[in-house]
Protein backbone atom coordinates (compact mmCIF):
# COMPACT_ATOMS: atom_id res chain seq x y z
CA MET A 1 -7.47 26.77 -23.54
CA ARG A 2 -9.16 29.32 -24.63
CA GLU A 3 -12.16 30.25 -26.64
CA SER A 4 -11.69 32.41 -30.11
CA GLY A 5 -14.21 33.15 -32.24
CA GLY A 6 -16.10 29.86 -31.23
CA LYS A 7 -13.09 27.67 -31.47
CA THR A 8 -11.10 26.19 -29.14
CA TYR A 9 -7.49 26.37 -28.88
CA ASP A 10 -5.10 24.21 -27.45
CA PRO A 11 -1.26 25.36 -27.21
CA PRO A 12 1.32 22.67 -28.67
CA THR A 13 2.54 20.65 -25.25
CA GLU A 14 6.51 20.76 -26.68
CA TRP A 15 6.32 24.40 -26.29
CA SER A 16 9.25 25.13 -23.71
CA MET A 17 8.07 27.35 -20.84
CA GLU A 18 10.42 30.06 -19.52
CA ASN A 19 9.90 31.10 -15.65
CA MET A 20 8.19 27.03 -14.73
CA GLU A 21 9.19 27.85 -11.10
CA GLU A 22 7.33 31.05 -11.23
CA THR A 23 4.44 29.68 -13.31
CA LEU A 24 4.45 26.68 -10.61
CA MET A 25 4.36 29.01 -7.77
CA THR A 26 1.67 30.94 -9.11
CA LEU A 27 -0.46 27.81 -9.57
CA VAL A 28 0.05 26.89 -6.05
CA ALA A 29 -1.01 29.88 -4.36
CA PHE A 30 -3.94 30.35 -6.42
CA SER A 31 -5.54 27.04 -6.41
CA LYS A 32 -3.95 26.46 -2.42
CA ASP A 33 -3.63 22.44 -3.42
CA GLY A 34 -1.09 20.29 -1.86
CA ASP A 35 -0.09 18.05 -4.93
CA LEU A 36 0.41 21.20 -6.74
CA LYS A 37 2.76 22.46 -3.90
CA LYS A 38 4.44 18.95 -4.02
CA ALA A 39 4.92 18.90 -7.63
CA LEU A 40 6.90 22.41 -7.64
CA TYR A 41 8.83 20.84 -5.23
CA GLN A 42 9.42 18.21 -7.72
CA PHE A 43 10.56 20.79 -10.10
CA ILE A 44 12.82 22.55 -7.71
CA GLU A 45 14.35 19.49 -6.96
CA GLN A 46 14.48 17.84 -10.13
CA PHE A 47 14.70 20.22 -13.02
CA LYS A 48 16.32 23.50 -12.03
CA PHE A 49 19.62 21.94 -11.08
CA TYR A 50 19.98 19.42 -13.81
CA GLU A 51 19.08 22.21 -17.20
CA GLN A 52 20.70 19.63 -19.50
CA LYS A 53 17.76 17.51 -19.39
CA GLY A 54 16.50 19.55 -22.31
CA VAL A 55 14.22 22.46 -23.10
CA VAL A 56 11.72 22.26 -19.90
CA THR A 57 7.89 22.17 -20.98
CA MET A 58 4.77 21.68 -19.35
CA SER A 59 4.37 18.31 -20.40
CA SER A 60 8.12 17.47 -19.47
CA VAL A 61 6.95 18.58 -15.87
CA ILE A 62 3.90 16.94 -15.46
CA ALA A 63 5.19 13.24 -16.96
CA HIS A 64 8.31 13.80 -14.51
CA ILE A 65 5.86 14.25 -11.84
CA GLU A 66 3.79 11.13 -13.05
CA LYS A 67 7.06 9.42 -13.12
CA ARG A 68 8.09 10.06 -9.97
CA GLY A 69 4.03 9.37 -8.52
CA ARG A 70 3.83 5.78 -9.99
CA ARG A 71 7.67 4.94 -8.41
CA GLU A 72 6.59 6.27 -5.10
CA ALA A 73 3.08 4.31 -4.98
CA GLU A 74 5.13 1.20 -6.43
CA LYS A 75 7.77 1.38 -2.78
CA GLN A 76 4.58 2.44 -1.25
CA PHE A 77 2.82 -1.19 -2.25
CA LEU A 78 6.01 -2.87 -1.83
CA ALA A 79 6.61 -1.70 1.94
CA GLU A 80 2.63 -2.96 2.46
CA LYS A 81 3.32 -6.12 0.80
CA LYS A 82 6.06 -6.31 2.94
CA SER A 83 4.43 -5.54 5.75
CA TRP A 84 1.28 -8.43 4.83
CA SER A 85 3.84 -11.19 4.20
CA GLN A 86 5.24 -10.33 7.98
CA GLU A 87 1.58 -10.50 9.30
CA LYS A 88 0.45 -13.46 7.73
CA LYS A 89 3.45 -15.10 9.34
CA ASP A 90 3.25 -13.42 12.35
CA LEU A 91 -0.76 -14.85 12.30
CA THR A 92 0.03 -18.61 11.01
CA GLN A 93 3.08 -18.93 13.65
CA GLU A 94 0.22 -17.69 16.32
CA SER A 95 -2.38 -20.03 14.92
CA GLY A 96 -0.17 -22.92 15.33
CA GLU A 97 0.62 -22.01 18.69
CA MET A 98 -3.13 -21.45 19.50
CA LEU A 99 -3.87 -25.22 18.20
CA PHE A 100 -1.01 -26.58 20.34
CA THR A 101 -2.53 -25.57 23.32
CA LEU A 102 -5.93 -26.81 22.40
CA VAL A 103 -4.62 -30.34 21.65
CA ILE A 104 -2.52 -30.22 24.84
CA LEU A 105 -5.64 -29.05 26.59
CA ALA A 106 -7.82 -32.01 25.44
CA GLN A 107 -4.57 -34.53 25.89
CA LYS A 108 -5.23 -32.96 29.36
CA THR A 109 -8.76 -33.59 29.81
CA MET A 110 -8.57 -37.22 28.09
CA ILE A 111 -5.87 -37.79 31.05
CA GLU A 112 -8.09 -36.71 33.91
CA LEU A 113 -11.70 -37.82 32.95
CA GLY A 114 -10.43 -41.16 31.21
CA CYS A 115 -12.11 -40.58 27.88
CA SER A 116 -11.64 -40.51 23.91
CA ALA A 117 -10.35 -37.57 22.11
CA GLN A 118 -13.82 -36.90 20.71
CA ASN A 119 -15.28 -36.58 24.52
CA ALA A 120 -12.63 -34.55 25.50
CA CYS A 121 -13.28 -31.83 22.69
CA THR A 122 -16.93 -32.39 23.65
CA GLN A 123 -16.37 -31.43 27.60
CA LEU A 124 -13.76 -28.56 26.53
CA GLY A 125 -16.35 -26.98 24.35
CA TYR A 126 -15.17 -26.79 21.20
CA SER A 127 -16.65 -26.14 17.76
CA ALA A 128 -16.97 -28.83 15.48
CA SER A 129 -14.21 -26.67 12.88
CA ILE A 130 -11.53 -26.79 16.18
CA CYS A 131 -12.43 -30.51 16.79
CA GLN A 132 -11.52 -31.17 13.08
CA LYS A 133 -8.45 -29.35 13.77
CA VAL A 134 -7.24 -30.95 17.00
CA LEU A 135 -8.63 -34.74 16.58
CA PRO A 136 -5.87 -35.81 14.28
CA PHE A 137 -2.94 -34.93 16.85
CA LEU A 138 -4.75 -36.45 19.10
CA ASN A 139 -5.40 -40.00 17.25
């Protein structure tokens, strides 16, 4: 935007730009912005070799970059979601294994001391919440 006689001038976004690559290279050089550098490489990758996409405008370049960014964000989210699912599955399995171990310890204590399940949990120092999880397997 430029100021002209106190009024702001916005050039139309549909105007085609020649030398888009050079324009982006200049912006990258002056701004030292990593995201803009990525945008330059994306432009070169997508627009330079596919001239049939129509007139190249700054608006079309920005729209393309935003679309690509959304796709990359979606891919990253799906990868993280898959990772979270696996972590949840692993934690669920570990919880089950720990519960199994606590039940076995309580059973051994019951046999060795000849006491009830509740007393075995108390002897082992289980918290009330652990006792609630272990007792159903002992009765």
